[in-house]
Amino acid sequence: MAPYVMVQASDARHFSQICDSVYRFMPFDLTKEELATLHAADERLSVAALHRGAGFYRYLIRHL
């Protein structure tokens, strides 16, 4: 389970050519307004969402 499944292009497309275990998800809990800015000129997310996303990756890496 992941907060958001990535349906847009990401750098994962390059890694999937050399690895079978590439997971595309975004660990940020974005508001509707922030989601609407993805790939736009004013793309952004809140500092709080960034901290929670970084915390997710810290937890994931420590518990692998």
PDB file of N, CA and C in Angstrom:
ATOM      1  N   MET A   1       0.848  -1.167   0.000  1.00  0.00           N
ATOM      2  CA  MET A   1       0.000   0.000   0.000  1.00  0.00           C
ATOM      3  C   MET A   1       0.888   1.222   0.000  1.00  0.00           C
ATOM      4  N   ALA A   2       0.530   2.222  -0.772  1.00  0.00           N
ATOM      5  CA  ALA A   2       1.309   3.451  -0.860  1.00  0.00           C
ATOM      6  C   ALA A   2       0.343   4.631  -0.905  1.00  0.00           C
ATOM      7  N   PRO A   3       0.774   5.776  -0.402  1.00  0.00           N
ATOM      8  CA  PRO A   3      -0.112   6.948  -0.417  1.00  0.00           C
ATOM      9  C   PRO A   3      -0.623   7.306  -1.804  1.00  0.00           C
ATOM     10  N   TYR A   4       0.231   7.307  -2.796  1.00  0.00           N
ATOM     11  CA  TYR A   4      -0.182   7.614  -4.158  1.00  0.00           C
ATOM     12  C   TYR A   4       0.571   6.724  -5.119  1.00  0.00           C
ATOM     13  N   VAL A   5      -0.141   6.128  -6.063  1.00  0.00           N
ATOM     14  CA  VAL A   5       0.520   5.362  -7.108  1.00  0.00           C
ATOM     15  C   VAL A   5       0.928   6.348  -8.195  1.00  0.00           C
ATOM     16  N   MET A   6       2.144   6.186  -8.675  1.00  0.00           N
ATOM     17  CA  MET A   6       2.653   7.090  -9.703  1.00  0.00           C
ATOM     18  C   MET A   6       2.128   6.657 -11.069  1.00  0.00           C
ATOM     19  N   VAL A   7       1.371   7.489 -11.703  1.00  0.00           N
ATOM     20  CA  VAL A   7       0.900   7.192 -13.055  1.00  0.00           C
ATOM     21  C   VAL A   7       1.601   8.073 -14.079  1.00  0.00           C
ATOM     22  N   GLN A   8       2.272   9.080 -13.623  1.00  0.00           N
ATOM     23  CA  GLN A   8       2.998   9.954 -14.532  1.00  0.00           C
ATOM     24  C   GLN A   8       4.426   9.436 -14.728  1.00  0.00           C
ATOM     25  N   ALA A   9       5.130  10.010 -15.651  1.00  0.00           N
ATOM     26  CA  ALA A   9       6.514   9.601 -15.911  1.00  0.00           C
ATOM     27  C   ALA A   9       7.404   9.987 -14.736  1.00  0.00           C
ATOM     28  N   SER A  10       8.362   9.138 -14.436  1.00  0.00           N
ATOM     29  CA  SER A  10       9.330   9.428 -13.393  1.00  0.00           C
ATOM     30  C   SER A  10      10.655   8.812 -13.808  1.00  0.00           C
ATOM     31  N   ASP A  11      11.685   9.043 -13.029  1.00  0.00           N
ATOM     32  CA  ASP A  11      12.989   8.445 -13.325  1.00  0.00           C
ATOM     33  C   ASP A  11      12.958   6.935 -13.186  1.00  0.00           C
ATOM     34  N   ALA A  12      11.929   6.388 -12.564  1.00  0.00           N
ATOM     35  CA  ALA A  12      11.822   4.940 -12.398  1.00  0.00           C
ATOM     36  C   ALA A  12      11.812   4.227 -13.744  1.00  0.00           C
ATOM     37  N   ARG A  13      11.366   4.897 -14.784  1.00  0.00           N
ATOM     38  CA  ARG A  13      11.337   4.248 -16.098  1.00  0.00           C
ATOM     39  C   ARG A  13      12.734   3.839 -16.550  1.00  0.00           C
ATOM     40  N   HIS A  14      13.756   4.568 -16.126  1.00  0.00           N
ATOM     41  CA  HIS A  14      15.127   4.214 -16.472  1.00  0.00           C
ATOM     42  C   HIS A  14      15.613   3.023 -15.644  1.00  0.00           C
ATOM     43  N   PHE A  15      15.244   2.996 -14.372  1.00  0.00           N
ATOM     44  CA  PHE A  15      15.672   1.917 -13.488  1.00  0.00           C
ATOM     45  C   PHE A  15      14.973   0.608 -13.808  1.00  0.00           C
ATOM     46  N   SER A  16      13.744   0.665 -14.301  1.00  0.00           N
ATOM     47  CA  SER A  16      13.005  -0.559 -14.589  1.00  0.00           C
ATOM     48  C   SER A  16      13.635  -1.350 -15.731  1.00  0.00           C
ATOM     49  N   GLN A  17      14.486  -0.723 -16.500  1.00  0.00           N
ATOM     50  CA  GLN A  17      15.174  -1.426 -17.576  1.00  0.00           C
ATOM     51  C   GLN A  17      16.278  -2.342 -17.040  1.00  0.00           C
ATOM     52  N   ILE A  18      16.750  -2.098 -15.813  1.00  0.00           N
ATOM     53  CA  ILE A  18      17.846  -2.889 -15.256  1.00  0.00           C
ATOM     54  C   ILE A  18      17.470  -3.611 -13.962  1.00  0.00           C
ATOM     55  N   CYS A  19      16.239  -3.435 -13.487  1.00  0.00           N
ATOM     56  CA  CYS A  19      15.830  -4.040 -12.219  1.00  0.00           C
ATOM     57  C   CYS A  19      14.341  -4.388 -12.269  1.00  0.00           C
ATOM     58  N   ASP A  20      14.001  -5.588 -11.790  1.00  0.00           N
ATOM     59  CA  ASP A  20      12.599  -6.000 -11.777  1.00  0.00           C
ATOM     60  C   ASP A  20      11.816  -5.433 -10.591  1.00  0.00           C
ATOM     61  N   SER A  21      12.507  -4.900  -9.602  1.00  0.00           N
ATOM     62  CA  SER A  21      11.853  -4.432  -8.380  1.00  0.00           C
ATOM     63  C   SER A  21      11.865  -2.914  -8.281  1.00  0.00           C
ATOM     64  N   VAL A  22      11.164  -2.269  -9.184  1.00  0.00           N
ATOM     65  CA  VAL A  22      11.048  -0.812  -9.167  1.00  0.00           C
ATOM     66  C   VAL A  22       9.606  -0.480  -8.806  1.00  0.00           C
ATOM     67  N   TYR A  23       9.452   0.251  -7.721  1.00  0.00           N
ATOM     68  CA  TYR A  23       8.120   0.609  -7.252  1.00  0.00           C
ATOM     69  C   TYR A  23       7.899   2.093  -7.480  1.00  0.00           C
ATOM     70  N   ARG A  24       6.778   2.410  -8.070  1.00  0.00           N
ATOM     71  CA  ARG A  24       6.466   3.797  -8.399  1.00  0.00           C
ATOM     72  C   ARG A  24       5.372   4.303  -7.454  1.00  0.00           C
ATOM     73  N   PHE A  25       5.771   5.051  -6.483  1.00  0.00           N
ATOM     74  CA  PHE A  25       4.798   5.647  -5.590  1.00  0.00           C
ATOM     75  C   PHE A  25       5.341   6.964  -5.070  1.00  0.00           C
ATOM     76  N   MET A  26       4.451   7.768  -4.597  1.00  0.00           N
ATOM     77  CA  MET A  26       4.802   9.084  -4.087  1.00  0.00           C
ATOM     78  C   MET A  26       4.388   9.131  -2.619  1.00  0.00           C
ATOM     79  N   PRO A  27       5.333   9.303  -1.698  1.00  0.00           N
ATOM     80  CA  PRO A  27       5.002   9.243  -0.273  1.00  0.00           C
ATOM     81  C   PRO A  27       4.523  10.572   0.309  1.00  0.00           C
ATOM     82  N   PHE A  28       3.972  11.426  -0.525  1.00  0.00           N
ATOM     83  CA  PHE A  28       3.537  12.740  -0.046  1.00  0.00           C
ATOM     84  C   PHE A  28       2.025  12.792   0.007  1.00  0.00           C
ATOM     85  N   ASP A  29       1.493  13.244   1.128  1.00  0.00           N
ATOM     86  CA  ASP A  29       0.048  13.428   1.241  1.00  0.00           C
ATOM     87  C   ASP A  29      -0.267  14.859   0.812  1.00  0.00           C
ATOM     88  N   LEU A  30      -0.620  14.993  -0.442  1.00  0.00           N
ATOM     89  CA  LEU A  30      -0.837  16.315  -1.024  1.00  0.00           C
ATOM     90  C   LEU A  30      -2.308  16.700  -0.983  1.00  0.00           C
ATOM     91  N   THR A  31      -2.520  17.989  -0.914  1.00  0.00           N
ATOM     92  CA  THR A  31      -3.886  18.504  -1.007  1.00  0.00           C
ATOM     93  C   THR A  31      -4.316  18.474  -2.473  1.00  0.00           C
ATOM     94  N   LYS A  32      -5.595  18.663  -2.719  1.00  0.00           N
ATOM     95  CA  LYS A  32      -6.080  18.730  -4.106  1.00  0.00           C
ATOM     96  C   LYS A  32      -5.388  19.853  -4.858  1.00  0.00           C
ATOM     97  N   GLU A  33      -5.154  20.965  -4.184  1.00  0.00           N
ATOM     98  CA  GLU A  33      -4.491  22.101  -4.822  1.00  0.00           C
ATOM     99  C   GLU A  33      -3.049  21.749  -5.212  1.00  0.00           C
ATOM    100  N   GLU A  34      -2.343  21.051  -4.311  1.00  0.00           N
ATOM    101  CA  GLU A  34      -0.965  20.654  -4.610  1.00  0.00           C
ATOM    102  C   GLU A  34      -0.928  19.621  -5.736  1.00  0.00           C
ATOM    103  N   LEU A  35      -1.875  18.675  -5.725  1.00  0.00           N
ATOM    104  CA  LEU A  35      -1.938  17.693  -6.805  1.00  0.00           C
ATOM    105  C   LEU A  35      -2.163  18.367  -8.151  1.00  0.00           C
ATOM    106  N   ALA A  36      -2.946  19.432  -8.155  1.00  0.00           N
ATOM    107  CA  ALA A  36      -3.230  20.145  -9.407  1.00  0.00           C
ATOM    108  C   ALA A  36      -1.995  20.857  -9.952  1.00  0.00           C
ATOM    109  N   THR A  37      -0.977  21.079  -9.116  1.00  0.00           N
ATOM    110  CA  THR A  37       0.217  21.781  -9.591  1.00  0.00           C
ATOM    111  C   THR A  37       1.290  20.841 -10.139  1.00  0.00           C
ATOM    112  N   LEU A  38       1.072  19.514 -10.049  1.00  0.00           N
ATOM    113  CA  LEU A  38       2.082  18.584 -10.546  1.00  0.00           C
ATOM    114  C   LEU A  38       2.377  18.847 -12.020  1.00  0.00           C
ATOM    115  N   HIS A  39       3.635  18.981 -12.326  1.00  0.00           N
ATOM    116  CA  HIS A  39       4.140  19.249 -13.676  1.00  0.00           C
ATOM    117  C   HIS A  39       3.683  20.599 -14.231  1.00  0.00           C
ATOM    118  N   ALA A  40       3.245  21.479 -13.380  1.00  0.00           N
ATOM    119  CA  ALA A  40       2.857  22.823 -13.804  1.00  0.00           C
ATOM    120  C   ALA A  40       4.008  23.793 -13.521  1.00  0.00           C
ATOM    121  N   ALA A  41       3.894  25.005 -14.022  1.00  0.00           N
ATOM    122  CA  ALA A  41       4.946  26.009 -13.822  1.00  0.00           C
ATOM    123  C   ALA A  41       5.148  26.315 -12.343  1.00  0.00           C
ATOM    124  N   ASP A  42       4.099  26.174 -11.539  1.00  0.00           N
ATOM    125  CA  ASP A  42       4.198  26.475 -10.108  1.00  0.00           C
ATOM    126  C   ASP A  42       4.104  25.208  -9.255  1.00  0.00           C
ATOM    127  N   GLU A  43       4.680  24.100  -9.741  1.00  0.00           N
ATOM    128  CA  GLU A  43       4.632  22.833  -8.995  1.00  0.00           C
ATOM    129  C   GLU A  43       5.210  23.020  -7.595  1.00  0.00           C
ATOM    130  N   ARG A  44       4.500  22.497  -6.592  1.00  0.00           N
ATOM    131  CA  ARG A  44       4.960  22.699  -5.213  1.00  0.00           C
ATOM    132  C   ARG A  44       4.248  21.721  -4.287  1.00  0.00           C
ATOM    133  N   LEU A  45       4.829  21.567  -3.092  1.00  0.00           N
ATOM    134  CA  LEU A  45       4.182  20.871  -2.008  1.00  0.00           C
ATOM    135  C   LEU A  45       4.597  21.563  -0.724  1.00  0.00           C
ATOM    136  N   SER A  46       3.840  21.342   0.314  1.00  0.00           N
ATOM    137  CA  SER A  46       4.113  22.036   1.567  1.00  0.00           C
ATOM    138  C   SER A  46       5.360  21.470   2.232  1.00  0.00           C
ATOM    139  N   VAL A  47       5.976  22.267   3.072  1.00  0.00           N
ATOM    140  CA  VAL A  47       7.147  21.822   3.826  1.00  0.00           C
ATOM    141  C   VAL A  47       6.748  20.659   4.729  1.00  0.00           C
ATOM    142  N   ALA A  48       5.562  20.720   5.298  1.00  0.00           N
ATOM    143  CA  ALA A  48       5.095  19.631   6.174  1.00  0.00           C
ATOM    144  C   ALA A  48       4.976  18.325   5.384  1.00  0.00           C
ATOM    145  N   ALA A  49       4.437  18.379   4.165  1.00  0.00           N
ATOM    146  CA  ALA A  49       4.328  17.176   3.335  1.00  0.00           C
ATOM    147  C   ALA A  49       5.708  16.644   2.975  1.00  0.00           C
ATOM    148  N   LEU A  50       6.644  17.536   2.704  1.00  0.00           N
ATOM    149  CA  LEU A  50       8.019  17.120   2.402  1.00  0.00           C
ATOM    150  C   LEU A  50       8.640  16.398   3.593  1.00  0.00           C
ATOM    151  N   HIS A  51       8.452  16.932   4.790  1.00  0.00           N
ATOM    152  CA  HIS A  51       8.994  16.296   5.994  1.00  0.00           C
ATOM    153  C   HIS A  51       8.371  14.917   6.233  1.00  0.00           C
ATOM    154  N   ARG A  52       7.060  14.805   6.030  1.00  0.00           N
ATOM    155  CA  ARG A  52       6.405  13.504   6.208  1.00  0.00           C
ATOM    156  C   ARG A  52       6.894  12.500   5.160  1.00  0.00           C
ATOM    157  N   GLY A  53       7.087  12.957   3.924  1.00  0.00           N
ATOM    158  CA  GLY A  53       7.602  12.074   2.874  1.00  0.00           C
ATOM    159  C   GLY A  53       9.016  11.614   3.171  1.00  0.00           C
ATOM    160  N   ALA A  54       9.868  12.515   3.645  1.00  0.00           N
ATOM    161  CA  ALA A  54      11.239  12.149   4.019  1.00  0.00           C
ATOM    162  C   ALA A  54      11.215  11.171   5.186  1.00  0.00           C
ATOM    163  N   GLY A  55      10.303  11.385   6.134  1.00  0.00           N
ATOM    164  CA  GLY A  55      10.158  10.468   7.259  1.00  0.00           C
ATOM    165  C   GLY A  55       9.758   9.078   6.797  1.00  0.00           C
ATOM    166  N   PHE A  56       8.900   9.017   5.801  1.00  0.00           N
ATOM    167  CA  PHE A  56       8.505   7.730   5.235  1.00  0.00           C
ATOM    168  C   PHE A  56       9.729   6.994   4.694  1.00  0.00           C
ATOM    169  N   TYR A  57      10.560   7.697   3.914  1.00  0.00           N
ATOM    170  CA  TYR A  57      11.753   7.055   3.352  1.00  0.00           C
ATOM    171  C   TYR A  57      12.740   6.649   4.446  1.00  0.00           C
ATOM    172  N   ARG A  58      12.902   7.465   5.474  1.00  0.00           N
ATOM    173  CA  ARG A  58      13.785   7.090   6.601  1.00  0.00           C
ATOM    174  C   ARG A  58      13.289   5.798   7.244  1.00  0.00           C
ATOM    175  N   TYR A  59      11.997   5.727   7.500  1.00  0.00           N
ATOM    176  CA  TYR A  59      11.425   4.525   8.114  1.00  0.00           C
ATOM    177  C   TYR A  59      11.612   3.324   7.199  1.00  0.00           C
ATOM    178  N   LEU A  60      11.322   3.499   5.917  1.00  0.00           N
ATOM    179  CA  LEU A  60      11.442   2.404   4.966  1.00  0.00           C
ATOM    180  C   LEU A  60      12.860   1.855   4.916  1.00  0.00           C
ATOM    181  N   ILE A  61      13.838   2.727   4.787  1.00  0.00           N
ATOM    182  CA  ILE A  61      15.224   2.289   4.671  1.00  0.00           C
ATOM    183  C   ILE A  61      15.710   1.622   5.965  1.00  0.00           C
ATOM    184  N   ARG A  62      15.320   2.147   7.092  1.00  0.00           N
ATOM    185  CA  ARG A  62      15.743   1.563   8.369  1.00  0.00           C
ATOM    186  C   ARG A  62      15.113   0.199   8.620  1.00  0.00           C
ATOM    187  N   HIS A  63      13.985  -0.072   8.023  1.00  0.00           N
ATOM    188  CA  HIS A  63      13.277  -1.318   8.287  1.00  0.00           C
ATOM    189  C   HIS A  63      13.334  -2.307   7.128  1.00  0.00           C
ATOM    190  N   LEU A  64      14.212  -2.112   6.207  1.00  0.00           N
ATOM    191  CA  LEU A  64      14.375  -3.070   5.107  1.00  0.00           C
ATOM    192  C   LEU A  64      15.080  -4.312   5.577  1.00  0.00           C
TER     193      LEU A  64
END
